[in-house]
């Protein structure tokens, strides 16, 4: 699968990364449909840090998303495959 990675200050690349999988009983695998850019992402892009938190490259940006549940671990009961989630 592909992920947009911050590779340096004001530098980004689309990279091939391993697809995630269910590893633990409480894991939920979500197929992302939308993703927002957060203020922290802009700080990371412009300066490589926000406050004392410094980016380690390559860094996957974007954490405000929504999608659809693809798979769940054995211990998950509140969501099921096909559910929309944000």
N, C-alpha and C. Protein backbone atom coordinates (compact mmCIF):
# COMPACT_ATOMS: atom_id res chain seq x y z
N UNK A 1 0.84 -1.17 0.00
CA UNK A 1 0.00 0.00 0.00
C UNK A 1 0.88 1.23 0.00
N UNK A 2 0.28 2.36 -0.23
CA UNK A 2 1.05 3.60 -0.31
C UNK A 2 0.75 4.50 0.89
N UNK A 3 1.76 5.26 1.29
CA UNK A 3 1.61 6.23 2.37
C UNK A 3 2.41 7.47 2.02
N UNK A 4 1.86 8.63 2.35
CA UNK A 4 2.57 9.88 2.15
C UNK A 4 3.48 10.09 3.36
N UNK A 5 4.76 10.20 3.10
CA UNK A 5 5.74 10.31 4.18
C UNK A 5 6.48 11.64 4.08
N UNK A 6 6.63 12.27 5.22
CA UNK A 6 7.48 13.44 5.33
C UNK A 6 8.92 12.92 5.39
N UNK A 7 9.77 13.40 4.47
CA UNK A 7 11.14 12.88 4.39
C UNK A 7 12.19 13.92 4.78
N UNK A 8 11.76 15.14 5.02
CA UNK A 8 12.63 16.23 5.42
C UNK A 8 11.79 17.49 5.52
N UNK A 9 12.39 18.58 5.92
CA UNK A 9 11.64 19.83 6.01
C UNK A 9 11.19 20.24 4.61
N UNK A 10 9.87 20.42 4.48
CA UNK A 10 9.22 20.78 3.21
C UNK A 10 9.46 19.75 2.11
N UNK A 11 9.65 18.48 2.51
CA UNK A 11 9.85 17.40 1.54
C UNK A 11 8.95 16.23 1.89
N UNK A 12 8.19 15.76 0.89
CA UNK A 12 7.31 14.62 1.09
C UNK A 12 7.46 13.67 -0.09
N UNK A 13 7.22 12.37 0.18
CA UNK A 13 7.26 11.36 -0.86
C UNK A 13 6.13 10.37 -0.64
N UNK A 14 5.56 9.88 -1.74
CA UNK A 14 4.62 8.77 -1.67
C UNK A 14 5.48 7.51 -1.66
N UNK A 15 5.33 6.69 -0.61
CA UNK A 15 6.17 5.50 -0.45
C UNK A 15 5.32 4.25 -0.35
N UNK A 16 5.88 3.16 -0.79
CA UNK A 16 5.26 1.85 -0.64
C UNK A 16 5.59 1.36 0.77
N UNK A 17 4.56 0.95 1.52
CA UNK A 17 4.74 0.45 2.88
C UNK A 17 3.98 -0.86 3.03
N UNK A 18 4.36 -1.70 3.97
CA UNK A 18 3.63 -2.95 4.18
C UNK A 18 2.19 -2.67 4.62
N UNK A 19 1.26 -3.46 4.11
CA UNK A 19 -0.14 -3.33 4.52
C UNK A 19 -0.27 -3.79 5.97
N UNK A 20 -1.06 -3.08 6.78
CA UNK A 20 -1.27 -3.51 8.17
C UNK A 20 -2.12 -4.77 8.22
N UNK A 21 -2.07 -5.45 9.34
CA UNK A 21 -2.88 -6.66 9.52
C UNK A 21 -3.30 -6.75 10.99
N UNK A 22 -4.25 -7.62 11.24
CA UNK A 22 -4.70 -7.87 12.61
C UNK A 22 -3.63 -8.70 13.32
N UNK A 23 -3.05 -8.15 14.38
CA UNK A 23 -2.01 -8.85 15.13
C UNK A 23 -2.48 -9.26 16.52
N UNK A 24 -3.43 -8.50 17.09
CA UNK A 24 -3.90 -8.75 18.45
C UNK A 24 -5.42 -8.85 18.47
N UNK A 25 -5.94 -9.46 19.52
CA UNK A 25 -7.39 -9.68 19.64
C UNK A 25 -8.20 -8.39 19.63
N UNK A 26 -7.61 -7.27 20.04
CA UNK A 26 -8.36 -6.02 20.13
C UNK A 26 -8.06 -5.05 18.97
N UNK A 27 -7.37 -5.53 17.94
CA UNK A 27 -7.05 -4.70 16.78
C UNK A 27 -8.26 -4.51 15.87
N UNK A 28 -8.31 -3.35 15.23
CA UNK A 28 -9.32 -3.04 14.21
C UNK A 28 -8.57 -2.52 12.99
N UNK A 29 -8.80 -3.13 11.84
CA UNK A 29 -8.18 -2.70 10.59
C UNK A 29 -9.18 -1.82 9.85
N UNK A 30 -8.77 -0.59 9.54
CA UNK A 30 -9.65 0.39 8.91
C UNK A 30 -9.10 0.76 7.54
N UNK A 31 -9.95 0.68 6.53
CA UNK A 31 -9.59 1.19 5.20
C UNK A 31 -9.93 2.67 5.20
N UNK A 32 -8.89 3.50 5.12
CA UNK A 32 -9.09 4.94 5.19
C UNK A 32 -9.77 5.45 3.92
N UNK A 33 -10.76 6.31 4.11
CA UNK A 33 -11.49 6.93 2.99
C UNK A 33 -11.15 8.41 2.87
N UNK A 34 -10.99 9.09 4.00
CA UNK A 34 -10.62 10.51 3.99
C UNK A 34 -9.59 10.75 5.09
N UNK A 35 -8.82 11.80 4.91
CA UNK A 35 -7.81 12.14 5.89
C UNK A 35 -7.62 13.64 5.89
N UNK A 36 -7.63 14.23 7.07
CA UNK A 36 -7.46 15.67 7.18
C UNK A 36 -6.03 16.04 7.53
N UNK A 37 -5.66 17.24 7.17
CA UNK A 37 -4.36 17.78 7.55
C UNK A 37 -4.56 18.58 8.82
N UNK A 38 -3.82 18.24 9.84
CA UNK A 38 -3.92 18.88 11.15
C UNK A 38 -2.86 19.98 11.27
N UNK A 39 -3.07 20.89 12.18
CA UNK A 39 -2.09 21.94 12.43
C UNK A 39 -0.72 21.39 12.77
N UNK A 40 -0.69 20.27 13.50
CA UNK A 40 0.61 19.68 13.84
C UNK A 40 1.33 19.19 12.58
N UNK A 41 0.58 18.68 11.59
CA UNK A 41 1.20 18.25 10.34
C UNK A 41 1.89 19.41 9.64
N UNK A 42 1.28 20.58 9.69
CA UNK A 42 1.87 21.76 9.05
C UNK A 42 3.16 22.16 9.76
N UNK A 43 3.16 22.11 11.10
CA UNK A 43 4.40 22.41 11.85
C UNK A 43 5.50 21.41 11.48
N UNK A 44 5.15 20.12 11.40
CA UNK A 44 6.14 19.10 11.05
C UNK A 44 6.69 19.36 9.65
N UNK A 45 5.83 19.75 8.71
CA UNK A 45 6.24 20.02 7.33
C UNK A 45 7.17 21.24 7.26
N UNK A 46 6.82 22.29 7.96
CA UNK A 46 7.57 23.56 7.87
C UNK A 46 8.87 23.53 8.67
N UNK A 47 8.82 22.96 9.89
CA UNK A 47 10.00 23.05 10.75
C UNK A 47 10.55 21.71 11.25
N UNK A 48 9.82 20.62 10.99
CA UNK A 48 10.30 19.31 11.46
C UNK A 48 10.03 19.04 12.92
N UNK A 49 9.24 19.92 13.56
CA UNK A 49 8.95 19.73 14.99
C UNK A 49 7.73 20.55 15.38
N UNK A 50 7.22 20.22 16.55
CA UNK A 50 6.20 21.04 17.20
C UNK A 50 6.55 21.02 18.68
N UNK A 51 6.89 22.17 19.22
CA UNK A 51 7.37 22.23 20.60
C UNK A 51 8.63 21.40 20.74
N UNK A 52 8.66 20.51 21.73
CA UNK A 52 9.83 19.67 21.95
C UNK A 52 9.77 18.36 21.17
N UNK A 53 8.65 18.11 20.48
CA UNK A 53 8.50 16.88 19.71
C UNK A 53 9.11 17.05 18.33
N UNK A 54 10.19 16.32 18.06
CA UNK A 54 10.91 16.41 16.80
C UNK A 54 10.61 15.18 15.95
N UNK A 55 10.36 15.41 14.66
CA UNK A 55 10.03 14.33 13.74
C UNK A 55 11.24 13.45 13.49
N UNK A 56 11.00 12.13 13.43
CA UNK A 56 12.01 11.18 12.96
C UNK A 56 11.57 10.77 11.56
N UNK A 57 12.43 10.98 10.57
CA UNK A 57 12.09 10.71 9.18
C UNK A 57 12.39 9.26 8.81
N UNK A 58 11.62 8.67 7.89
CA UNK A 58 10.40 9.20 7.29
C UNK A 58 9.24 9.12 8.28
N UNK A 59 8.34 10.07 8.19
CA UNK A 59 7.23 10.23 9.13
C UNK A 59 5.91 10.25 8.36
N UNK A 60 4.97 9.40 8.75
CA UNK A 60 3.66 9.38 8.11
C UNK A 60 2.79 10.48 8.69
N UNK A 61 2.35 11.40 7.84
CA UNK A 61 1.51 12.50 8.30
C UNK A 61 0.04 12.12 8.21
N UNK A 62 -0.79 12.90 8.90
CA UNK A 62 -2.24 12.68 8.85
C UNK A 62 -2.71 11.73 9.93
N UNK A 63 -3.58 12.22 10.78
CA UNK A 63 -4.13 11.37 11.84
C UNK A 63 -5.60 11.68 12.10
N UNK A 64 -6.19 12.54 11.31
CA UNK A 64 -7.61 12.87 11.47
C UNK A 64 -8.36 12.28 10.29
N UNK A 65 -8.82 11.06 10.44
CA UNK A 65 -9.39 10.37 9.30
C UNK A 65 -10.71 9.69 9.57
N UNK A 66 -11.26 9.17 8.50
CA UNK A 66 -12.46 8.34 8.59
C UNK A 66 -12.32 7.23 7.56
N UNK A 67 -13.03 6.16 7.80
CA UNK A 67 -12.93 5.03 6.88
C UNK A 67 -13.97 3.98 7.20
N UNK A 68 -13.66 2.77 6.76
CA UNK A 68 -14.59 1.65 6.93
C UNK A 68 -13.82 0.48 7.53
N UNK A 69 -14.43 -0.17 8.52
CA UNK A 69 -13.80 -1.31 9.18
C UNK A 69 -13.68 -2.45 8.17
N UNK A 70 -12.46 -2.97 8.02
CA UNK A 70 -12.20 -4.08 7.11
C UNK A 70 -12.15 -5.41 7.86
N UNK A 71 -11.54 -5.40 9.05
CA UNK A 71 -11.38 -6.63 9.82
C UNK A 71 -11.24 -6.26 11.29
N UNK A 72 -11.59 -7.22 12.15
CA UNK A 72 -11.46 -7.01 13.60
C UNK A 72 -10.84 -8.23 14.25
N UNK A 73 -10.17 -8.00 15.37
CA UNK A 73 -9.62 -9.10 16.15
C UNK A 73 -10.73 -9.83 16.90
N UNK A 74 -10.41 -10.99 17.43
CA UNK A 74 -11.38 -11.84 18.13
C UNK A 74 -12.03 -11.16 19.33
N UNK A 75 -11.34 -10.22 19.96
CA UNK A 75 -11.85 -9.57 21.17
C UNK A 75 -12.63 -8.30 20.91
N UNK A 76 -12.89 -7.96 19.66
CA UNK A 76 -13.60 -6.72 19.32
C UNK A 76 -15.08 -7.00 19.17
N UNK A 77 -15.91 -6.23 19.90
CA UNK A 77 -17.36 -6.45 19.83
C UNK A 77 -18.15 -5.18 19.51
N UNK A 78 -17.53 -4.00 19.57
CA UNK A 78 -18.28 -2.75 19.37
C UNK A 78 -18.37 -2.32 17.91
N UNK A 79 -17.48 -2.82 17.07
CA UNK A 79 -17.55 -2.53 15.63
C UNK A 79 -17.38 -3.84 14.87
N UNK A 80 -17.83 -3.83 13.61
CA UNK A 80 -17.72 -5.02 12.77
C UNK A 80 -17.33 -4.61 11.36
N UNK A 81 -16.80 -5.54 10.56
CA UNK A 81 -16.46 -5.20 9.18
C UNK A 81 -17.65 -4.56 8.46
N UNK A 82 -17.36 -3.49 7.74
CA UNK A 82 -18.39 -2.75 7.02
C UNK A 82 -18.83 -1.48 7.73
N UNK A 83 -18.61 -1.41 9.06
CA UNK A 83 -18.99 -0.20 9.81
C UNK A 83 -18.16 0.98 9.35
N UNK A 84 -18.82 2.14 9.28
CA UNK A 84 -18.10 3.39 9.03
C UNK A 84 -17.58 3.91 10.36
N UNK A 85 -16.40 4.49 10.32
CA UNK A 85 -15.75 4.88 11.57
C UNK A 85 -14.94 6.16 11.35
N UNK A 86 -14.85 6.98 12.41
CA UNK A 86 -14.04 8.20 12.34
C UNK A 86 -13.26 8.36 13.62
